[in-house]
C-alpha atoms as a PDB file:
ATOM      1  CA  MET A   1      70.717  74.463 192.201  1.00  0.00           C
ATOM      2  CA  THR A   2      73.578  72.123 191.782  1.00  0.00           C
ATOM      3  CA  THR A   3      76.818  73.383 190.241  1.00  0.00           C
ATOM      4  CA  ILE A   4      78.729  70.854 188.098  1.00  0.00           C
ATOM      5  CA  THR A   5      82.544  70.962 187.174  1.00  0.00           C
ATOM      6  CA  LEU A   6      83.320  69.661 183.819  1.00  0.00           C
ATOM      7  CA  ARG A   7      85.695  67.353 183.184  1.00  0.00           C
ATOM      8  CA  GLU A   8      86.293  68.960 179.903  1.00  0.00           C
ATOM      9  CA  PRO A   9      85.783  72.780 180.039  1.00  0.00           C
ATOM     10  CA  LEU A  10      84.411  74.129 176.942  1.00  0.00           C
ATOM     11  CA  SER A  11      85.615  76.760 174.819  1.00  0.00           C
ATOM     12  CA  THR A  12      82.922  79.701 173.527  1.00  0.00           C
ATOM     13  CA  ALA A  13      82.816  82.875 172.269  1.00  0.00           C
ATOM     14  CA  GLU A  14      82.481  84.319 175.508  1.00  0.00           C
ATOM     15  CA  GLY A  15      85.233  82.638 177.044  1.00  0.00           C
ATOM     16  CA  VAL A  16      86.018  78.746 178.703  1.00  0.00           C
ATOM     17  CA  ILE A  17      83.581  77.277 180.649  1.00  0.00           C
ATOM     18  CA  SER A  18      84.928  75.220 183.034  1.00  0.00           C
ATOM     19  CA  THR A  19      81.441  74.822 185.697  1.00  0.00           C
ATOM     20  CA  VAL A  20      77.788  74.859 184.977  1.00  0.00           C
ATOM     21  CA  THR A  21      74.771  75.585 186.879  1.00  0.00           C
ATOM     22  CA  LEU A  22      71.360  73.321 187.274  1.00  0.00           C
ATOM     23  CA  ARG A  23      68.595  74.985 188.332  1.00  0.00           C
ATOM     24  CA  ARG A  24      65.205  73.420 189.036  1.00  0.00           C
ATOM     25  CA  PRO A  25      63.357  72.431 185.928  1.00  0.00           C
ATOM     26  CA  LYS A  26      60.066  74.469 185.669  1.00  0.00           C
ATOM     27  CA  VAL A  27      56.850  72.896 183.549  1.00  0.00           C
ATOM     28  CA  LYS A  28      57.659  75.298 180.901  1.00  0.00           C
ATOM     29  CA  ASP A  29      61.312  73.813 180.375  1.00  0.00           C
ATOM     30  CA  LEU A  30      58.974  70.188 180.122  1.00  0.00           C
ATOM     31  CA  LYS A  31      57.131  71.944 177.539  1.00  0.00           C
ATOM     32  CA  GLN A  32      59.939  72.907 175.262  1.00  0.00           C
ATOM     33  CA  VAL A  33      61.818  69.285 175.800  1.00  0.00           C
ATOM     34  CA  ASP A  34      58.386  67.855 174.213  1.00  0.00           C
ATOM     35  CA  ALA A  35      58.691  69.891 171.358  1.00  0.00           C
ATOM     36  CA  ALA A  36      62.043  69.278 170.693  1.00  0.00           C
ATOM     37  CA  ARG A  37      61.162  65.119 171.123  1.00  0.00           C
ATOM     38  CA  ALA A  38      58.758  66.043 168.534  1.00  0.00           C
ATOM     39  CA  GLU A  39      61.343  67.283 165.766  1.00  0.00           C
ATOM     40  CA  GLY A  40      64.244  65.403 166.875  1.00  0.00           C
ATOM     41  CA  GLY A  41      63.690  62.557 169.041  1.00  0.00           C
ATOM     42  CA  ASP A  42      65.232  61.770 172.853  1.00  0.00           C
ATOM     43  CA  MET A  43      68.650  63.154 172.220  1.00  0.00           C
ATOM     44  CA  GLN A  44      67.424  66.360 171.144  1.00  0.00           C
ATOM     45  CA  ALA A  45      65.031  66.562 174.103  1.00  0.00           C
ATOM     46  CA  GLY A  46      68.129  65.430 176.394  1.00  0.00           C
ATOM     47  CA  ILE A  47      70.529  68.593 174.984  1.00  0.00           C
ATOM     48  CA  ALA A  48      67.077  71.430 175.041  1.00  0.00           C
ATOM     49  CA  MET A  49      66.814  70.065 178.841  1.00  0.00           C
ATOM     50  CA  VAL A  50      70.376  70.509 179.596  1.00  0.00           C
ATOM     51  CA  ALA A  51      70.568  74.147 177.804  1.00  0.00           C
ATOM     52  CA  ALA A  52      66.986  75.047 179.950  1.00  0.00           C
ATOM     53  CA  ILE A  53      68.321  74.235 182.807  1.00  0.00           C
ATOM     54  CA  THR A  54      72.123  75.150 182.719  1.00  0.00           C
ATOM     55  CA  GLY A  55      71.217  78.889 180.629  1.00  0.00           C
ATOM     56  CA  LEU A  56      73.614  77.181 178.135  1.00  0.00           C
ATOM     57  CA  SER A  57      73.156  77.051 174.397  1.00  0.00           C
ATOM     58  CA  VAL A  58      72.157  74.413 172.189  1.00  0.00           C
ATOM     59  CA  GLU A  59      74.962  74.896 170.380  1.00  0.00           C
ATOM     60  CA  VAL A  60      77.527  74.986 173.099  1.00  0.00           C
ATOM     61  CA  VAL A  61      75.887  71.833 175.094  1.00  0.00           C
ATOM     62  CA  ASP A  62      75.832  70.099 171.161  1.00  0.00           C
ATOM     63  CA  GLU A  63      79.868  70.356 171.762  1.00  0.00           C
ATOM     64  CA  MET A  64      80.035  69.412 175.160  1.00  0.00           C
ATOM     65  CA  ASP A  65      82.612  66.055 176.749  1.00  0.00           C
ATOM     66  CA  ALA A  66      79.744  62.954 176.263  1.00  0.00           C
ATOM     67  CA  ALA A  67      80.797  62.496 179.890  1.00  0.00           C
ATOM     68  CA  ASP A  68      80.295  66.110 181.169  1.00  0.00           C
ATOM     69  CA  PHE A  69      76.804  65.491 179.142  1.00  0.00           C
ATOM     70  CA  THR A  70      75.692  62.215 181.136  1.00  0.00           C
ATOM     71  CA  THR A  71      77.117  63.643 184.907  1.00  0.00           C
ATOM     72  CA  ILE A  72      74.310  66.800 183.746  1.00  0.00           C
ATOM     73  CA  SER A  73      71.688  64.117 182.811  1.00  0.00           C
ATOM     74  CA  GLU A  74      72.481  62.244 185.893  1.00  0.00           C
ATOM     75  CA  ALA A  75      72.151  65.558 188.200  1.00  0.00           C
ATOM     76  CA  LEU A  76      69.316  66.322 186.603  1.00  0.00           C
ATOM     77  CA  ALA A  77      67.207  63.026 186.922  1.00  0.00           C
ATOM     78  CA  ASP A  78      67.636  63.833 190.450  1.00  0.00           C
ATOM     79  CA  PHE A  79      65.505  66.919 190.470  1.00  0.00           C
ATOM     80  CA  PHE A  80      62.888  64.693 189.365  1.00  0.00           C
ATOM     81  CA  GLN A  81      63.258  62.085 192.336  1.00  0.00           C
ATOM     82  CA  PRO A  82      59.968  62.146 195.102  1.00  0.00           C
ATOM     83  CA  ALA A  83      60.345  64.425 198.184  1.00  0.00           C
ATOM     84  CA  ARG A  84      61.654  62.158 200.809  1.00  0.00           C
ATOM     85  CA  PRO A  85      59.613  63.014 204.136  1.00  0.00           C
END
């Protein structure tokens, strides 16, 4: 798991979110992303993946600062790197 501190905390009905924890993606997450891509393209797929691995709703991810979304996306890419011997 990876924890990221948001540059711009999110205000939600449940309170303020200042950090998010990313879990490793599973195959079921990839299938969900494929479905989102078919409906709305690459951006919607990225939003769906961030929502899936952080536990945030798609609506909350939609309100995320673009720099924070990019930081999370970059951290997510690290999960897909081949294992180092």
